[in-house]
Each structure stands twice: as structure tokens, then as C-alpha cells.
Amino acid sequence: MGAIPPLQGKLVAGDAGRFSDLDARAVTGDQLTPHHMPQAAAKFTTREEGGALALPHEEHVLTRTYGARGRAVARAEAGLPFRQV
């Protein structure tokens, strides 16, 4: 079984995949943001290879790891296994 090819075309809310694949499809001004899951600061993968979900910007700012909140979450979850994070 081979790797799943990335989606093509314009980024749509709910698209999931590697952060770099989603980011490459983002269009300036579309108000969509690839959101790392788990956050890139957890360093389970590289920023580019990490899993992400495309969210509308107004939903992205509500996530527990958005902006400065992400630093606090990274400190609190340091050393926890991937599945727990």
C-alpha cells in the first residue's frame, strides 16, 4: 500500500494532510489556515511534515495552541506521548 497522494486545487476548510501540502494550496486572503495537529512545537515531526487540518481563521484563533497559548501548551505537554497530546 503506497502513500496517499496530496489533494490538489484550492484549499477548502476541512482538508487534512501534511502541513506543507495544505500551506502550498493556501491563497492569500482566503481566511483559511493549516492548523498543526498536534502543534509543531511538540516536535513529533518537522513543521513541514506534520499533520494539519485547514480551518477558517476565526476557528483557528479559538484553538488551545493558537498564538501565545501554544507556548504554554507546549511546556505543559512536554514529554507526553503523541497519542496523549
N, C-alpha and C. Protein backbone atom coordinates (compact mmCIF):
# COMPACT_ATOMS: atom_id res chain seq x y z
N MET A 1 0.85 -1.18 0.00
CA MET A 1 0.00 0.00 0.00
C MET A 1 0.89 1.24 0.00
N GLY A 2 0.73 2.11 -0.98
CA GLY A 2 1.57 3.30 -1.10
C GLY A 2 1.03 4.47 -0.32
N ALA A 3 1.78 5.56 -0.38
CA ALA A 3 1.38 6.78 0.29
C ALA A 3 0.15 7.38 -0.39
N ILE A 4 -0.66 8.06 0.38
CA ILE A 4 -1.85 8.72 -0.15
C ILE A 4 -1.39 10.02 -0.82
N PRO A 5 -1.75 10.25 -2.09
CA PRO A 5 -1.32 11.48 -2.74
C PRO A 5 -2.03 12.69 -2.14
N PRO A 6 -1.34 13.84 -2.10
CA PRO A 6 -1.98 15.04 -1.54
C PRO A 6 -3.13 15.51 -2.42
N LEU A 7 -4.10 16.18 -1.79
CA LEU A 7 -5.20 16.78 -2.53
C LEU A 7 -4.65 17.88 -3.43
N GLN A 8 -5.33 18.14 -4.51
CA GLN A 8 -4.92 19.19 -5.45
C GLN A 8 -5.97 20.29 -5.44
N GLY A 9 -5.60 21.45 -5.97
CA GLY A 9 -6.54 22.55 -6.11
C GLY A 9 -6.59 23.44 -4.90
N LYS A 10 -7.57 24.30 -4.90
CA LYS A 10 -7.74 25.31 -3.85
C LYS A 10 -8.00 24.66 -2.49
N LEU A 11 -7.42 25.23 -1.45
CA LEU A 11 -7.61 24.76 -0.09
C LEU A 11 -9.05 24.97 0.34
N VAL A 12 -9.64 23.97 0.99
CA VAL A 12 -11.02 24.03 1.45
C VAL A 12 -11.04 23.70 2.94
N ALA A 13 -11.86 24.38 3.73
CA ALA A 13 -11.98 24.09 5.15
C ALA A 13 -12.29 22.60 5.33
N GLY A 14 -11.56 21.96 6.23
CA GLY A 14 -11.75 20.55 6.49
C GLY A 14 -10.73 19.67 5.78
N ASP A 15 -10.00 20.21 4.79
CA ASP A 15 -8.94 19.43 4.15
C ASP A 15 -7.90 19.06 5.21
N ALA A 16 -7.36 17.86 5.09
CA ALA A 16 -6.35 17.39 6.04
C ALA A 16 -5.18 16.81 5.27
N GLY A 17 -3.99 16.87 5.87
CA GLY A 17 -2.79 16.31 5.24
C GLY A 17 -1.55 16.90 5.87
N ARG A 18 -0.44 16.77 5.14
CA ARG A 18 0.81 17.37 5.62
C ARG A 18 0.67 18.88 5.61
N PHE A 19 1.25 19.52 6.63
CA PHE A 19 1.18 20.98 6.70
C PHE A 19 1.69 21.62 5.42
N SER A 20 2.82 21.15 4.89
CA SER A 20 3.40 21.77 3.70
C SER A 20 2.49 21.64 2.49
N ASP A 21 1.77 20.52 2.37
CA ASP A 21 0.85 20.34 1.24
C ASP A 21 -0.33 21.31 1.34
N LEU A 22 -0.88 21.46 2.55
CA LEU A 22 -2.01 22.39 2.73
C LEU A 22 -1.55 23.82 2.55
N ASP A 23 -0.40 24.15 3.12
CA ASP A 23 0.12 25.52 3.04
C ASP A 23 0.38 25.91 1.58
N ALA A 24 0.84 24.96 0.77
CA ALA A 24 1.12 25.24 -0.64
C ALA A 24 -0.16 25.56 -1.41
N ARG A 25 -1.29 25.07 -0.92
CA ARG A 25 -2.57 25.30 -1.60
C ARG A 25 -3.31 26.52 -1.07
N ALA A 26 -2.83 27.10 0.03
CA ALA A 26 -3.49 28.27 0.61
C ALA A 26 -3.34 29.48 -0.31
N VAL A 27 -4.35 30.32 -0.31
CA VAL A 27 -4.37 31.53 -1.12
C VAL A 27 -4.46 32.71 -0.17
N THR A 28 -3.59 33.69 -0.35
CA THR A 28 -3.62 34.88 0.50
C THR A 28 -5.01 35.50 0.45
N GLY A 29 -5.57 35.76 1.64
CA GLY A 29 -6.88 36.38 1.73
C GLY A 29 -8.04 35.41 1.77
N ASP A 30 -7.77 34.10 1.68
CA ASP A 30 -8.89 33.14 1.70
C ASP A 30 -9.42 32.87 3.11
N GLN A 31 -8.74 33.40 4.13
CA GLN A 31 -9.15 33.26 5.52
C GLN A 31 -9.13 31.81 6.00
N LEU A 32 -8.32 30.95 5.34
CA LEU A 32 -8.12 29.57 5.76
C LEU A 32 -6.69 29.39 6.22
N THR A 33 -6.51 28.60 7.26
CA THR A 33 -5.19 28.38 7.85
C THR A 33 -4.97 26.91 8.10
N PRO A 34 -3.83 26.35 7.65
CA PRO A 34 -3.49 24.98 8.05
C PRO A 34 -3.10 24.98 9.53
N HIS A 35 -3.76 24.18 10.33
CA HIS A 35 -3.54 24.10 11.77
C HIS A 35 -2.86 22.77 12.11
N HIS A 36 -1.63 22.85 12.66
CA HIS A 36 -0.90 21.64 13.04
C HIS A 36 -1.65 20.85 14.11
N MET A 37 -1.65 19.54 13.96
CA MET A 37 -2.29 18.66 14.95
C MET A 37 -1.43 17.40 15.10
N PRO A 38 -0.72 17.23 16.20
CA PRO A 38 -0.55 18.18 17.29
C PRO A 38 0.34 19.34 16.86
N GLN A 39 0.45 20.32 17.71
CA GLN A 39 1.18 21.53 17.35
C GLN A 39 2.62 21.22 16.98
N ALA A 40 3.16 22.03 16.07
CA ALA A 40 4.53 21.85 15.59
C ALA A 40 5.54 21.94 16.74
N ALA A 41 5.24 22.73 17.76
CA ALA A 41 6.15 22.90 18.88
C ALA A 41 6.38 21.60 19.66
N ALA A 42 5.50 20.62 19.49
CA ALA A 42 5.68 19.33 20.16
C ALA A 42 6.84 18.55 19.54
N LYS A 43 7.22 18.92 18.32
CA LYS A 43 8.37 18.35 17.61
C LYS A 43 8.30 16.84 17.40
N PHE A 44 7.09 16.32 17.19
CA PHE A 44 6.96 14.91 16.83
C PHE A 44 7.41 14.70 15.39
N THR A 45 7.27 15.74 14.57
CA THR A 45 7.69 15.72 13.16
C THR A 45 8.29 17.09 12.86
N THR A 46 8.77 17.25 11.64
CA THR A 46 9.18 18.59 11.22
C THR A 46 7.92 19.42 11.00
N ARG A 47 8.08 20.71 10.97
CA ARG A 47 6.94 21.60 10.72
C ARG A 47 6.27 21.25 9.40
N GLU A 48 7.06 20.99 8.37
CA GLU A 48 6.53 20.72 7.05
C GLU A 48 5.80 19.38 6.96
N GLU A 49 6.32 18.36 7.63
CA GLU A 49 5.77 17.00 7.55
C GLU A 49 4.61 16.75 8.51
N GLY A 50 4.41 17.63 9.47
CA GLY A 50 3.38 17.43 10.48
C GLY A 50 1.97 17.43 9.91
N GLY A 51 1.08 16.69 10.55
CA GLY A 51 -0.31 16.64 10.15
C GLY A 51 -1.00 17.96 10.43
N ALA A 52 -1.93 18.32 9.57
CA ALA A 52 -2.65 19.58 9.73
C ALA A 52 -4.07 19.46 9.18
N LEU A 53 -4.89 20.40 9.62
CA LEU A 53 -6.28 20.49 9.20
C LEU A 53 -6.54 21.94 8.80
N ALA A 54 -7.17 22.16 7.65
CA ALA A 54 -7.47 23.52 7.20
C ALA A 54 -8.67 24.05 7.97
N LEU A 55 -8.47 25.17 8.65
CA LEU A 55 -9.53 25.80 9.44
C LEU A 55 -9.77 27.22 8.98
N PRO A 56 -11.01 27.70 9.06
CA PRO A 56 -11.24 29.13 8.88
C PRO A 56 -10.48 29.88 9.98
N HIS A 57 -9.95 31.04 9.64
CA HIS A 57 -9.14 31.79 10.60
C HIS A 57 -9.88 32.02 11.92
N GLU A 58 -11.17 32.34 11.87
CA GLU A 58 -11.91 32.62 13.11
C GLU A 58 -11.99 31.38 14.01
N GLU A 59 -11.93 30.19 13.45
CA GLU A 59 -11.88 28.97 14.26
C GLU A 59 -10.46 28.69 14.74
N HIS A 60 -9.48 29.01 13.91
CA HIS A 60 -8.08 28.78 14.28
C HIS A 60 -7.72 29.56 15.55
N VAL A 61 -8.17 30.80 15.66
CA VAL A 61 -7.84 31.61 16.84
C VAL A 61 -8.48 31.06 18.11
N LEU A 62 -9.46 30.18 17.99
CA LEU A 62 -10.11 29.58 19.16
C LEU A 62 -9.40 28.31 19.65
N THR A 63 -8.43 27.80 18.90
CA THR A 63 -7.75 26.56 19.29
C THR A 63 -6.87 26.80 20.52
N ARG A 64 -6.62 25.75 21.26
CA ARG A 64 -5.86 25.88 22.51
C ARG A 64 -4.38 26.17 22.28
N THR A 65 -3.90 26.03 21.04
CA THR A 65 -2.49 26.27 20.76
C THR A 65 -2.24 27.50 19.90
N TYR A 66 -3.26 28.29 19.64
CA TYR A 66 -3.09 29.47 18.78
C TYR A 66 -2.26 30.53 19.50
N GLY A 67 -1.33 31.12 18.77
CA GLY A 67 -0.55 32.24 19.28
C GLY A 67 0.22 31.91 20.55
N ALA A 68 0.20 32.84 21.49
CA ALA A 68 0.95 32.68 22.74
C ALA A 68 0.47 31.50 23.57
N ARG A 69 -0.78 31.09 23.42
CA ARG A 69 -1.28 29.92 24.17
C ARG A 69 -0.48 28.67 23.83
N GLY A 70 0.02 28.60 22.60
CA GLY A 70 0.77 27.44 22.16
C GLY A 70 2.02 27.19 22.98
N ARG A 71 2.70 28.25 23.40
CA ARG A 71 3.91 28.09 24.23
C ARG A 71 3.57 27.45 25.57
N ALA A 72 2.48 27.88 26.17
CA ALA A 72 2.07 27.31 27.46
C ALA A 72 1.69 25.84 27.31
N VAL A 73 0.97 25.51 26.23
CA VAL A 73 0.58 24.12 25.98
C VAL A 73 1.82 23.27 25.74
N ALA A 74 2.76 23.77 24.96
CA ALA A 74 3.99 23.02 24.68
C ALA A 74 4.75 22.72 25.96
N ARG A 75 4.83 23.68 26.86
CA ARG A 75 5.52 23.45 28.15
C ARG A 75 4.75 22.42 28.98
N ALA A 76 3.44 22.56 29.04
CA ALA A 76 2.63 21.65 29.86
C ALA A 76 2.65 20.22 29.34
N GLU A 77 2.78 20.05 28.02
CA GLU A 77 2.71 18.72 27.41
C GLU A 77 4.08 18.15 27.05
N ALA A 78 5.15 18.84 27.40
CA ALA A 78 6.50 18.36 27.08
C ALA A 78 6.70 16.96 27.66
N GLY A 79 7.18 16.06 26.82
CA GLY A 79 7.46 14.70 27.28
C GLY A 79 6.27 13.74 27.19
N LEU A 80 5.08 14.25 26.90
CA LEU A 80 3.92 13.35 26.79
C LEU A 80 3.96 12.62 25.45
N PRO A 81 3.43 11.41 25.39
CA PRO A 81 3.42 10.68 24.13
C PRO A 81 2.48 11.30 23.11
N PHE A 82 2.74 11.03 21.84
CA PHE A 82 1.96 11.57 20.73
C PHE A 82 0.47 11.38 20.91
N ARG A 83 0.04 10.17 21.22
CA ARG A 83 -1.40 9.89 21.35
C ARG A 83 -2.05 10.66 22.48
N GLN A 84 -1.31 10.96 23.52
CA GLN A 84 -1.89 11.72 24.63
C GLN A 84 -2.00 13.19 24.28
N VAL A 85 -1.02 13.71 23.57
CA VAL A 85 -1.05 15.12 23.15
C VAL A 85 -2.20 15.32 22.19
